[in-house]
Amino acid sequence: MVRDHLVHAFGQAALSPDPDLAVAALMIARVEYPFLDAGPYLDRLDAIGEEAKRRVASAEIAGADAPASADPIRYAQVMALNDYLFGELRFSGNQTRYEDPRNSCLNEVLDRRTGIPISLALVYLEIARRAGLPAVGVNFPGHFLLRCPARHGLAHAEDLIIDAFHGGALLSEDACRSLLRHHAGDGAVYDSQLLVRATKEQILVRMLVNLKRLYVNMHSFPQARDITELLLAVDPTAAEELRDRGLLAYHLHDYGAALRDLQRYLQLSGKRTVDEDDKDEYTAIWEHVKTLRRRVASLN
């Protein structure tokens, strides 16, 4: 199991107002690589960021190439960063092995220069921050994106929406609508609120939820349980994570821990109205608890 001090340190890093995402992301990677030394990877980000800062500062405004609605300076800066990260350093989306957990481990993303939308976006954010380019994450349904805001005072300039998974491609509103339909179905309603800034906590939680799903699908239950520990470090009252940690403990024959978590889940669920769709699950968890009580009592 992941060590208590790592869980505590991750919770502090995730909830800290410091914008740094890399330190917490490398803690997540220690679920897969327990003895990972974060130092060299932070140094590498600093080195890439220093060069990116030089490229962004010297970016030349491209007249005809910039979209009419774009802030020409921001467009030039984003293109300079894109050319460096995706052209020269060859970071790219891993489309052939999308479900590989290594795509969510920052050390592997930096070593292999490939990942999924959110891990590549995290690299982009960390490099952009070091380069002095304002960029924020966007918790878009099904596909994490980035947004580079136009400079203040430009009345008609629109923010740039960036897809790090596809080489820093800039997405129009129509492209965002199409992306939403692809991931959420034709009935999904597009709204500009889908492009609001994702908080540090939201970015890290989305990374963790992705990893937990992968580990569960692989039946890698110890790692999935460790991920729930990190999720609960961010929000100890997250009922669904208590439920999942309890079920994973059950799979790992840790019946005492399973009983504690599932009982707590039922307590938290009982304090809110259970939706009709959730009643079957609530009943199933209650049956698990009754079975666990008998099993734990027989072991005493």
Protein backbone atom coordinates (compact mmCIF):
# COMPACT_ATOMS: atom_id res chain seq x y z
CA MET A 1 0.00 0.00 0.00
CA VAL A 2 1.03 3.58 -0.60
CA ARG A 3 2.68 5.04 2.47
CA ASP A 4 0.81 7.37 4.81
CA HIS A 5 3.39 10.14 4.47
CA LEU A 6 2.96 10.15 0.68
CA VAL A 7 -0.82 10.37 1.02
CA HIS A 8 -0.45 13.26 3.46
CA ALA A 9 2.10 15.06 1.29
CA PHE A 10 -0.05 14.61 -1.80
CA GLY A 11 -3.08 16.07 -0.06
CA GLN A 12 -1.07 19.11 0.97
CA ALA A 13 0.36 19.57 -2.53
CA ALA A 14 -3.02 19.13 -4.24
CA LEU A 15 -4.78 21.63 -2.01
CA SER A 16 -1.94 24.17 -1.90
CA PRO A 17 -2.51 27.52 -3.65
CA ASP A 18 0.88 27.07 -5.33
CA PRO A 19 0.13 26.62 -9.07
CA ASP A 20 2.78 23.88 -9.43
CA LEU A 21 1.17 20.69 -10.73
CA ALA A 22 4.31 18.69 -11.41
CA VAL A 23 5.20 17.87 -7.80
CA ALA A 24 1.76 16.39 -7.09
CA ALA A 25 1.73 14.59 -10.48
CA LEU A 26 5.06 12.93 -9.68
CA MET A 27 3.62 11.80 -6.34
CA ILE A 28 0.81 10.12 -8.29
CA ALA A 29 3.44 8.37 -10.40
CA ARG A 30 4.89 6.81 -7.24
CA VAL A 31 1.89 4.49 -7.11
CA GLU A 32 3.43 2.80 -10.16
CA TYR A 33 7.06 3.69 -9.36
CA PRO A 34 7.44 3.66 -5.54
CA PHE A 35 11.10 4.70 -5.56
CA LEU A 36 10.77 7.46 -8.14
CA ASP A 37 13.13 10.40 -7.62
CA ALA A 38 11.19 13.51 -8.62
CA GLY A 39 14.23 15.79 -8.71
CA PRO A 40 15.57 14.99 -12.20
CA TYR A 41 12.10 15.40 -13.73
CA LEU A 42 11.54 18.76 -12.09
CA ASP A 43 14.98 19.80 -13.34
CA ARG A 44 14.03 18.69 -16.84
CA LEU A 45 10.84 20.74 -16.74
CA ASP A 46 12.88 23.74 -15.62
CA ALA A 47 15.33 23.28 -18.49
CA ILE A 48 12.57 22.89 -21.08
CA GLY A 49 10.77 25.86 -19.55
CA GLU A 50 13.87 28.05 -19.75
CA GLU A 51 14.26 27.36 -23.45
CA ALA A 52 10.52 27.79 -23.99
CA LYS A 53 10.72 31.17 -22.26
CA ARG A 54 13.34 32.29 -24.78
CA ARG A 55 11.23 31.05 -27.71
CA VAL A 56 8.03 32.67 -26.45
CA ALA A 57 9.76 36.00 -25.74
CA SER A 58 11.19 36.15 -29.25
CA ALA A 59 8.04 34.98 -31.05
CA GLU A 60 7.31 37.04 -34.14
CA ILE A 61 3.76 38.12 -34.87
CA ALA A 62 2.45 36.24 -37.89
CA GLY A 63 0.00 38.47 -39.74
CA ALA A 64 -1.80 36.38 -42.33
CA ASP A 65 -1.52 33.10 -40.43
CA ALA A 66 -3.34 34.23 -37.29
CA PRO A 67 -7.12 33.71 -37.13
CA ALA A 68 -9.01 37.00 -37.42
CA SER A 69 -10.49 36.58 -33.93
CA ALA A 70 -7.19 35.81 -32.22
CA ASP A 71 -4.94 38.07 -30.19
CA PRO A 72 -1.97 38.20 -32.61
CA ILE A 73 0.65 38.28 -29.86
CA ARG A 74 -0.87 35.37 -27.93
CA TYR A 75 -1.23 33.46 -31.18
CA ALA A 76 2.44 33.96 -32.03
CA GLN A 77 3.50 32.91 -28.53
CA VAL A 78 1.36 29.77 -28.58
CA MET A 79 2.69 28.84 -32.02
CA ALA A 80 6.26 29.28 -30.78
CA LEU A 81 5.60 27.03 -27.79
CA ASN A 82 3.78 24.48 -29.96
CA ASP A 83 6.64 24.35 -32.44
CA TYR A 84 9.08 23.70 -29.61
CA LEU A 85 7.08 21.11 -27.65
CA PHE A 86 5.36 19.23 -30.45
CA GLY A 87 7.64 19.96 -33.39
CA GLU A 88 11.15 19.94 -31.96
CA LEU A 89 10.73 17.87 -28.77
CA ARG A 90 8.11 15.65 -30.44
CA PHE A 91 5.60 15.34 -27.62
CA SER A 92 2.54 13.60 -29.04
CA GLY A 93 -0.67 11.86 -28.06
CA ASN A 94 -0.40 8.10 -27.57
CA GLN A 95 -3.17 6.94 -29.89
CA THR A 96 -1.98 3.34 -30.22
CA ARG A 97 -1.78 2.53 -26.49
CA TYR A 98 -4.16 5.06 -25.00
CA GLU A 99 -5.06 2.80 -22.04
CA ASP A 100 -1.44 2.32 -20.92
CA PRO A 101 -1.12 3.60 -17.31
CA ARG A 102 2.28 5.03 -18.17
CA ASN A 103 0.44 7.74 -20.13
CA SER A 104 -0.74 9.15 -16.80
CA CYS A 105 2.65 9.04 -15.03
CA LEU A 106 4.48 12.32 -15.50
CA ASN A 107 7.93 10.70 -15.39
CA GLU A 108 6.97 8.39 -18.25
CA VAL A 109 5.33 11.18 -20.22
CA LEU A 110 8.57 13.17 -20.00
CA ASP A 111 10.75 10.14 -20.79
CA ARG A 112 8.66 8.79 -23.67
CA ARG A 113 7.22 12.16 -24.77
CA THR A 114 3.76 10.72 -25.19
CA GLY A 115 0.63 10.65 -23.10
CA ILE A 116 -3.11 11.26 -22.95
CA PRO A 117 -4.86 14.66 -23.19
CA ILE A 118 -4.63 15.53 -19.50
CA SER A 119 -1.02 14.46 -18.95
CA LEU A 120 0.19 16.29 -22.06
CA ALA A 121 -1.86 19.31 -21.01
CA LEU A 122 -0.18 19.18 -17.60
CA VAL A 123 3.24 19.27 -19.28
CA TYR A 124 2.04 22.18 -21.43
CA LEU A 125 0.80 24.09 -18.38
CA GLU A 126 4.03 23.58 -16.49
CA ILE A 127 6.17 24.69 -19.43
CA ALA A 128 3.89 27.63 -20.26
CA ARG A 129 4.05 28.80 -16.64
CA ARG A 130 7.84 28.69 -16.70
CA ALA A 131 7.83 30.48 -20.05
CA GLY A 132 5.58 33.29 -18.84
CA LEU A 133 2.71 32.36 -21.15
CA PRO A 134 -0.73 32.45 -19.46
CA ALA A 135 -2.54 29.16 -19.95
CA VAL A 136 -5.17 27.28 -17.97
CA GLY A 137 -6.58 23.78 -18.04
CA VAL A 138 -10.10 23.11 -19.29
CA ASN A 139 -12.05 20.17 -17.84
CA PHE A 140 -13.84 19.50 -21.12
CA PRO A 141 -16.02 16.36 -21.16
CA GLY A 142 -14.08 13.36 -22.40
CA HIS A 143 -11.02 15.26 -23.59
CA PHE A 144 -8.96 17.65 -21.47
CA LEU A 145 -8.09 20.93 -23.20
CA LEU A 146 -6.17 24.16 -22.58
CA ARG A 147 -7.08 27.80 -22.92
CA CYS A 148 -4.75 30.72 -23.50
CA PRO A 149 -6.60 33.97 -22.74
CA ALA A 150 -6.30 37.01 -24.97
CA ARG A 151 -4.63 40.06 -23.48
CA HIS A 152 -6.81 42.41 -21.46
CA GLY A 153 -8.22 45.36 -23.37
CA LEU A 154 -8.63 43.64 -26.74
CA ALA A 155 -12.36 43.97 -27.22
CA HIS A 156 -12.92 41.43 -29.99
CA ALA A 157 -10.07 38.99 -29.42
CA GLU A 158 -11.06 35.46 -28.40
CA ASP A 159 -9.15 33.06 -26.19
CA LEU A 160 -7.22 30.26 -27.90
CA ILE A 161 -8.44 26.72 -27.19
CA ILE A 162 -5.56 24.25 -27.43
CA ASP A 163 -5.59 20.48 -27.80
CA ALA A 164 -2.27 19.17 -26.45
CA PHE A 165 -3.11 15.59 -27.47
CA HIS A 166 -3.21 16.59 -31.13
CA GLY A 167 0.01 18.57 -31.34
CA GLY A 168 -1.33 21.82 -29.90
CA ALA A 169 -4.11 22.12 -32.48
CA LEU A 170 -6.27 25.23 -32.04
CA LEU A 171 -9.97 24.45 -31.79
CA SER A 172 -12.75 26.66 -33.09
CA GLU A 173 -16.15 26.75 -31.41
CA ASP A 174 -17.48 24.38 -34.08
CA ALA A 175 -14.60 21.98 -33.37
CA CYS A 176 -15.43 22.11 -29.65
CA ARG A 177 -19.06 21.33 -30.40
CA SER A 178 -18.01 18.38 -32.54
CA LEU A 179 -15.66 17.14 -29.82
CA LEU A 180 -18.46 17.35 -27.26
CA ARG A 181 -20.82 15.32 -29.48
CA HIS A 182 -18.09 12.73 -29.99
CA HIS A 183 -17.58 12.19 -26.27
CA ALA A 184 -21.01 12.97 -24.81
CA GLY A 185 -23.43 12.09 -27.60
CA ASP A 186 -25.50 14.07 -30.07
CA GLY A 187 -27.84 15.28 -27.34
CA ALA A 188 -25.11 17.05 -25.39
CA VAL A 189 -25.64 20.80 -25.12
CA TYR A 190 -22.62 22.99 -25.77
CA ASP A 191 -22.09 25.93 -23.44
CA SER A 192 -19.18 28.31 -22.96
CA GLN A 193 -19.07 27.20 -19.31
CA LEU A 194 -17.52 23.96 -20.56
CA LEU A 195 -14.38 26.00 -21.25
CA VAL A 196 -13.95 27.55 -17.81
CA ARG A 197 -10.64 27.21 -15.99
CA ALA A 198 -10.09 23.90 -14.20
CA THR A 199 -8.68 24.27 -10.71
CA LYS A 200 -5.50 22.53 -9.64
CA GLU A 201 -7.57 20.15 -7.52
CA GLN A 202 -9.88 19.31 -10.43
CA ILE A 203 -6.96 18.54 -12.74
CA LEU A 204 -5.32 16.19 -10.25
CA VAL A 205 -8.60 14.48 -9.39
CA ARG A 206 -9.31 13.88 -13.08
CA MET A 207 -5.86 12.33 -13.49
CA LEU A 208 -6.49 10.08 -10.50
CA VAL A 209 -9.94 9.00 -11.64
CA ASN A 210 -8.51 8.09 -15.06
CA LEU A 211 -5.79 6.00 -13.45
CA LYS A 212 -8.17 4.28 -11.05
CA ARG A 213 -10.39 3.22 -13.95
CA LEU A 214 -7.40 1.82 -15.83
CA TYR A 215 -6.13 -0.14 -12.83
CA VAL A 216 -9.58 -1.57 -12.10
CA ASN A 217 -9.97 -2.64 -15.73
CA MET A 218 -6.55 -4.34 -15.50
CA HIS A 219 -7.53 -5.98 -12.17
CA SER A 220 -4.56 -4.19 -10.61
CA PHE A 221 -6.48 -3.76 -7.38
CA PRO A 222 -3.58 -2.77 -5.08
CA GLN A 223 -2.72 0.18 -7.33
CA ALA A 224 -6.39 1.12 -7.72
CA ARG A 225 -6.73 1.14 -3.94
CA ASP A 226 -3.68 3.38 -3.64
CA ILE A 227 -5.25 5.80 -6.09
CA THR A 228 -8.40 5.98 -3.95
CA GLU A 229 -6.15 6.82 -0.98
CA LEU A 230 -4.86 9.84 -2.91
CA LEU A 231 -8.37 10.84 -3.96
CA LEU A 232 -9.51 10.72 -0.35
CA ALA A 233 -6.51 12.81 0.66
CA VAL A 234 -8.03 15.56 -1.48
CA ASP A 235 -11.58 15.03 -0.21
CA PRO A 236 -11.97 12.69 2.81
CA THR A 237 -15.78 12.87 2.54
CA ALA A 238 -16.00 11.72 -1.09
CA ALA A 239 -18.59 8.97 -0.61
CA GLU A 240 -17.97 7.27 -3.97
CA GLU A 241 -14.25 6.98 -3.22
CA LEU A 242 -14.97 5.47 0.22
CA ARG A 243 -17.25 2.97 -1.51
CA ASP A 244 -14.62 2.12 -4.10
CA ARG A 245 -11.84 1.82 -1.53
CA GLY A 246 -14.05 -0.52 0.47
CA LEU A 247 -14.85 -2.68 -2.54
CA LEU A 248 -11.18 -2.82 -3.51
CA ALA A 249 -10.27 -3.83 0.05
CA TYR A 250 -12.86 -6.58 -0.23
CA HIS A 251 -11.24 -7.85 -3.45
CA LEU A 252 -7.91 -7.84 -1.61
CA HIS A 253 -9.38 -9.81 1.34
CA ASP A 254 -8.84 -6.91 3.74
CA TYR A 255 -12.26 -7.42 5.26
CA GLY A 256 -11.88 -5.15 8.27
CA ALA A 257 -10.93 -2.17 6.09
CA ALA A 258 -13.68 -3.04 3.61
CA LEU A 259 -16.27 -3.07 6.39
CA ARG A 260 -15.13 0.29 7.79
CA ASP A 261 -15.26 2.03 4.40
CA LEU A 262 -18.55 0.55 3.26
CA GLN A 263 -20.25 1.34 6.56
CA ARG A 264 -19.00 4.91 6.31
CA TYR A 265 -20.26 5.07 2.72
CA LEU A 266 -23.73 3.99 3.86
CA GLN A 267 -23.66 6.59 6.63
CA LEU A 268 -22.78 9.38 4.19
CA SER A 269 -25.31 8.16 1.62
CA GLY A 270 -28.00 8.00 4.28
CA LYS A 271 -27.58 11.72 4.94
CA ARG A 272 -28.69 12.56 1.42
CA THR A 273 -31.63 11.46 -0.69
CA VAL A 274 -30.67 8.37 -2.66
CA ASP A 275 -31.69 8.71 -6.29
CA GLU A 276 -33.91 6.02 -7.78
CA ASP A 277 -30.99 4.93 -9.97
CA ASP A 278 -28.78 4.51 -6.89
CA LYS A 279 -31.15 2.42 -4.78
CA ASP A 280 -30.02 -0.91 -6.23
CA GLU A 281 -26.39 -0.03 -5.57
CA TYR A 282 -27.20 1.14 -2.04
CA THR A 283 -28.97 -2.17 -1.37
CA ALA A 284 -26.07 -4.17 -2.82
CA ILE A 285 -23.56 -2.35 -0.60
CA TRP A 286 -25.77 -2.99 2.44
CA GLU A 287 -25.75 -6.71 1.60
CA HIS A 288 -21.94 -6.56 1.35
CA VAL A 289 -21.79 -4.95 4.79
CA LYS A 290 -23.97 -7.64 6.35
CA THR A 291 -21.77 -10.36 4.83
CA LEU A 292 -18.61 -8.58 6.00
CA ARG A 293 -19.92 -8.23 9.53
CA ARG A 294 -20.44 -11.97 9.74
CA ARG A 295 -17.06 -12.68 8.19
CA VAL A 296 -15.17 -10.26 10.45
CA ALA A 297 -17.00 -11.58 13.53
CA SER A 298 -15.98 -15.13 12.63
CA LEU A 299 -12.32 -14.04 12.50
CA ASN A 300 -12.34 -12.57 16.02
